[in-house]
Amino acid sequence: MGGMMVTPIRHGIAAGPRRARNERMLRRMGIPLALFACCLCGGAVGAQNTAQAGAPGAATAARPIPPPEARIDINHASVDELMKVPGMTQSWAGRIVRFRPYHSKQDLLERGVLPSDVYERIKDYVIAHRDKQ
């Protein structure tokens, strides 16, 4: 065994000096390469989210927003009246009626009556009138 070099065998392939050097380089480059790949994917996802975020705004911009006197009052409207609001569902209208009274339409979001995406869809079509005392 004097001058003969013994190389360990991994998965049926002799791991010579070149393979060991390649493995060291891959280990060294692994983290920066993974970070680079994450940055590339994150940028693509961010661009996609930005494009999707503009879509609901474009849909509401297409519909005319009623003046404040024509908006539906969330403190006095029935479920059927609330159903006339674009983007409203039967279950959300029922929740609005169930958790009355409201000081402002922002209460729908702050008190957890509606999730933020539903509130963003309907906020321009509703108003909260308070009873005069």
C-alpha atoms as a PDB file:
ATOM      1  CA  MET A   1       0.000   0.000   0.000  1.00  0.00           C
ATOM      2  CA  GLY A   2       2.981   2.276  -0.138  1.00  0.00           C
ATOM      3  CA  GLY A   3       2.147   4.595  -3.051  1.00  0.00           C
ATOM      4  CA  MET A   4      -1.448   3.678  -3.699  1.00  0.00           C
ATOM      5  CA  MET A   5      -4.127   6.227  -2.792  1.00  0.00           C
ATOM      6  CA  VAL A   6      -7.328   4.843  -1.340  1.00  0.00           C
ATOM      7  CA  THR A   7     -10.492   6.818  -2.111  1.00  0.00           C
ATOM      8  CA  PRO A   8     -13.708   6.323  -0.176  1.00  0.00           C
ATOM      9  CA  ILE A   9     -16.681   5.163  -2.188  1.00  0.00           C
ATOM     10  CA  ARG A  10     -19.949   7.046  -1.945  1.00  0.00           C
ATOM     11  CA  HIS A  11     -23.023   5.731  -3.685  1.00  0.00           C
ATOM     12  CA  GLY A  12     -20.934   3.613  -5.988  1.00  0.00           C
ATOM     13  CA  ILE A  13     -18.704   6.498  -7.185  1.00  0.00           C
ATOM     14  CA  ALA A  14     -15.161   6.990  -6.033  1.00  0.00           C
ATOM     15  CA  ALA A  15     -14.819  10.327  -4.243  1.00  0.00           C
ATOM     16  CA  GLY A  16     -11.576  11.624  -5.679  1.00  0.00           C
ATOM     17  CA  PRO A  17      -9.904  15.004  -5.126  1.00  0.00           C
ATOM     18  CA  ARG A  18     -12.011  16.708  -7.815  1.00  0.00           C
ATOM     19  CA  ARG A  19     -15.278  15.491  -6.285  1.00  0.00           C
ATOM     20  CA  ALA A  20     -14.199  16.604  -2.814  1.00  0.00           C
ATOM     21  CA  ARG A  21     -13.320  20.067  -4.171  1.00  0.00           C
ATOM     22  CA  ASN A  22     -16.730  20.299  -5.911  1.00  0.00           C
ATOM     23  CA  GLU A  23     -18.539  19.279  -2.737  1.00  0.00           C
ATOM     24  CA  ARG A  24     -16.665  21.928  -0.702  1.00  0.00           C
ATOM     25  CA  MET A  25     -17.537  24.578  -3.289  1.00  0.00           C
ATOM     26  CA  LEU A  26     -21.221  23.582  -3.290  1.00  0.00           C
ATOM     27  CA  ARG A  27     -21.331  23.701   0.509  1.00  0.00           C
ATOM     28  CA  ARG A  28     -19.709  27.148   0.482  1.00  0.00           C
ATOM     29  CA  MET A  29     -22.063  28.460  -2.218  1.00  0.00           C
ATOM     30  CA  GLY A  30     -25.194  26.761  -0.881  1.00  0.00           C
ATOM     31  CA  ILE A  31     -26.408  29.537   1.422  1.00  0.00           C
ATOM     32  CA  PRO A  32     -25.748  32.490  -0.915  1.00  0.00           C
ATOM     33  CA  LEU A  33     -27.281  30.556  -3.795  1.00  0.00           C
ATOM     34  CA  ALA A  34     -30.376  29.734  -1.742  1.00  0.00           C
ATOM     35  CA  LEU A  35     -30.703  33.393  -0.668  1.00  0.00           C
ATOM     36  CA  PHE A  36     -30.395  34.509  -4.277  1.00  0.00           C
ATOM     37  CA  ALA A  37     -33.119  32.059  -5.337  1.00  0.00           C
ATOM     38  CA  CYS A  38     -35.390  33.295  -2.535  1.00  0.00           C
ATOM     39  CA  CYS A  39     -34.854  36.905  -3.619  1.00  0.00           C
ATOM     40  CA  LEU A  40     -35.768  36.038  -7.186  1.00  0.00           C
ATOM     41  CA  CYS A  41     -38.919  34.199  -6.130  1.00  0.00           C
ATOM     42  CA  GLY A  42     -39.860  36.881  -3.601  1.00  0.00           C
ATOM     43  CA  GLY A  43     -39.636  39.579  -6.255  1.00  0.00           C
ATOM     44  CA  ALA A  44     -41.923  37.639  -8.560  1.00  0.00           C
ATOM     45  CA  VAL A  45     -44.458  37.050  -5.776  1.00  0.00           C
ATOM     46  CA  GLY A  46     -44.335  40.732  -4.780  1.00  0.00           C
ATOM     47  CA  ALA A  47     -45.031  41.799  -8.362  1.00  0.00           C
ATOM     48  CA  GLN A  48     -47.926  39.360  -8.564  1.00  0.00           C
ATOM     49  CA  ASN A  49     -49.414  40.653  -5.291  1.00  0.00           C
ATOM     50  CA  THR A  50     -49.107  44.227  -6.521  1.00  0.00           C
ATOM     51  CA  ALA A  51     -50.937  43.324  -9.713  1.00  0.00           C
ATOM     52  CA  GLN A  52     -53.688  41.578  -7.747  1.00  0.00           C
ATOM     53  CA  ALA A  53     -53.972  44.462  -5.289  1.00  0.00           C
ATOM     54  CA  GLY A  54     -54.832  46.788  -8.156  1.00  0.00           C
ATOM     55  CA  ALA A  55     -57.621  44.542  -9.445  1.00  0.00           C
ATOM     56  CA  PRO A  56     -60.218  45.195  -6.675  1.00  0.00           C
ATOM     57  CA  GLY A  57     -59.569  48.945  -6.854  1.00  0.00           C
ATOM     58  CA  ALA A  58     -60.195  48.855 -10.587  1.00  0.00           C
ATOM     59  CA  ALA A  59     -63.461  46.977 -10.065  1.00  0.00           C
ATOM     60  CA  THR A  60     -64.780  49.540  -7.568  1.00  0.00           C
ATOM     61  CA  ALA A  61     -63.601  52.409  -9.756  1.00  0.00           C
ATOM     62  CA  ALA A  62     -65.776  51.054 -12.583  1.00  0.00           C
ATOM     63  CA  ARG A  63     -68.901  51.311 -10.392  1.00  0.00           C
ATOM     64  CA  PRO A  64     -69.995  54.812  -9.426  1.00  0.00           C
ATOM     65  CA  ILE A  65     -69.760  55.529  -5.711  1.00  0.00           C
ATOM     66  CA  PRO A  66     -73.076  56.869  -4.402  1.00  0.00           C
ATOM     67  CA  PRO A  67     -73.219  60.204  -2.565  1.00  0.00           C
ATOM     68  CA  PRO A  68     -73.450  59.983   1.260  1.00  0.00           C
ATOM     69  CA  GLU A  69     -77.224  60.543   1.291  1.00  0.00           C
ATOM     70  CA  ALA A  70     -77.751  57.571  -1.055  1.00  0.00           C
ATOM     71  CA  ARG A  71     -75.591  55.129   0.944  1.00  0.00           C
ATOM     72  CA  ILE A  72     -77.185  52.348   2.967  1.00  0.00           C
ATOM     73  CA  ASP A  73     -77.312  52.915   6.734  1.00  0.00           C
ATOM     74  CA  ILE A  74     -75.840  49.924   8.582  1.00  0.00           C
ATOM     75  CA  ASN A  75     -77.670  50.856  11.801  1.00  0.00           C
ATOM     76  CA  HIS A  76     -81.177  50.794  10.302  1.00  0.00           C
ATOM     77  CA  ALA A  77     -81.136  48.755   7.063  1.00  0.00           C
ATOM     78  CA  SER A  78     -82.674  45.306   6.858  1.00  0.00           C
ATOM     79  CA  VAL A  79     -80.752  42.307   5.516  1.00  0.00           C
ATOM     80  CA  ASP A  80     -82.577  42.704   2.171  1.00  0.00           C
ATOM     81  CA  GLU A  81     -81.538  46.365   1.938  1.00  0.00           C
ATOM     82  CA  LEU A  82     -77.938  45.489   2.798  1.00  0.00           C
ATOM     83  CA  MET A  83     -77.971  42.858   0.040  1.00  0.00           C
ATOM     84  CA  LYS A  84     -78.213  45.723  -2.520  1.00  0.00           C
ATOM     85  CA  VAL A  85     -74.631  46.724  -1.653  1.00  0.00           C
ATOM     86  CA  PRO A  86     -72.225  45.414  -4.344  1.00  0.00           C
ATOM     87  CA  GLY A  87     -70.100  42.575  -2.959  1.00  0.00           C
ATOM     88  CA  MET A  88     -72.394  41.886   0.012  1.00  0.00           C
ATOM     89  CA  THR A  89     -73.425  38.328   0.889  1.00  0.00           C
ATOM     90  CA  GLN A  90     -76.337  37.061   2.977  1.00  0.00           C
ATOM     91  CA  SER A  91     -74.067  35.956   5.826  1.00  0.00           C
ATOM     92  CA  TRP A  92     -72.180  39.281   6.033  1.00  0.00           C
ATOM     93  CA  ALA A  93     -75.451  41.236   5.946  1.00  0.00           C
ATOM     94  CA  GLY A  94     -76.769  39.052   8.782  1.00  0.00           C
ATOM     95  CA  ARG A  95     -73.651  39.734  10.868  1.00  0.00           C
ATOM     96  CA  ILE A  96     -73.999  43.485  10.321  1.00  0.00           C
ATOM     97  CA  VAL A  97     -77.590  43.389  11.582  1.00  0.00           C
ATOM     98  CA  ARG A  98     -76.743  41.106  14.518  1.00  0.00           C
ATOM     99  CA  PHE A  99     -73.928  43.255  15.973  1.00  0.00           C
ATOM    100  CA  ARG A 100     -75.667  46.661  15.888  1.00  0.00           C
ATOM    101  CA  PRO A 101     -75.422  49.555  16.824  1.00  0.00           C
ATOM    102  CA  TYR A 102     -72.320  51.126  15.254  1.00  0.00           C
ATOM    103  CA  HIS A 103     -70.779  54.543  15.892  1.00  0.00           C
ATOM    104  CA  SER A 104     -69.120  54.544  12.477  1.00  0.00           C
ATOM    105  CA  LYS A 105     -68.752  52.155   9.579  1.00  0.00           C
ATOM    106  CA  GLN A 106     -65.159  51.584  10.739  1.00  0.00           C
ATOM    107  CA  ASP A 107     -66.685  49.654  13.686  1.00  0.00           C
ATOM    108  CA  LEU A 108     -67.438  46.828  11.241  1.00  0.00           C
ATOM    109  CA  LEU A 109     -63.703  46.257  10.964  1.00  0.00           C
ATOM    110  CA  GLU A 110     -62.605  47.199  14.482  1.00  0.00           C
ATOM    111  CA  ARG A 111     -65.165  44.963  16.208  1.00  0.00           C
ATOM    112  CA  GLY A 112     -64.461  42.011  13.906  1.00  0.00           C
ATOM    113  CA  VAL A 113     -67.882  41.981  12.257  1.00  0.00           C
ATOM    114  CA  LEU A 114     -66.314  41.894   8.772  1.00  0.00           C
ATOM    115  CA  PRO A 115     -62.849  40.901   7.568  1.00  0.00           C
ATOM    116  CA  SER A 116     -60.780  43.638   5.940  1.00  0.00           C
ATOM    117  CA  ASP A 117     -61.272  42.407   2.355  1.00  0.00           C
ATOM    118  CA  VAL A 118     -65.085  42.479   2.690  1.00  0.00           C
ATOM    119  CA  TYR A 119     -64.958  45.882   4.397  1.00  0.00           C
ATOM    120  CA  GLU A 120     -62.823  47.294   1.559  1.00  0.00           C
ATOM    121  CA  ARG A 121     -65.434  46.069  -0.970  1.00  0.00           C
ATOM    122  CA  ILE A 122     -68.432  47.674   0.743  1.00  0.00           C
ATOM    123  CA  LYS A 123     -67.092  50.717   2.639  1.00  0.00           C
ATOM    124  CA  ASP A 124     -67.982  53.205  -0.119  1.00  0.00           C
ATOM    125  CA  TYR A 125     -71.607  52.036  -0.235  1.00  0.00           C
ATOM    126  CA  VAL A 126     -72.537  52.125   3.468  1.00  0.00           C
ATOM    127  CA  ILE A 127     -72.810  54.742   6.190  1.00  0.00           C
ATOM    128  CA  ALA A 128     -73.547  54.616   9.928  1.00  0.00           C
ATOM    129  CA  HIS A 129     -76.156  57.156  11.055  1.00  0.00           C
ATOM    130  CA  ARG A 130     -76.520  57.481  14.798  1.00  0.00           C
ATOM    131  CA  ASP A 131     -79.881  58.023  16.417  1.00  0.00           C
ATOM    132  CA  LYS A 132     -80.450  61.539  17.657  1.00  0.00           C
ATOM    133  CA  GLN A 133     -80.696  61.669  21.454  1.00  0.00           C
END
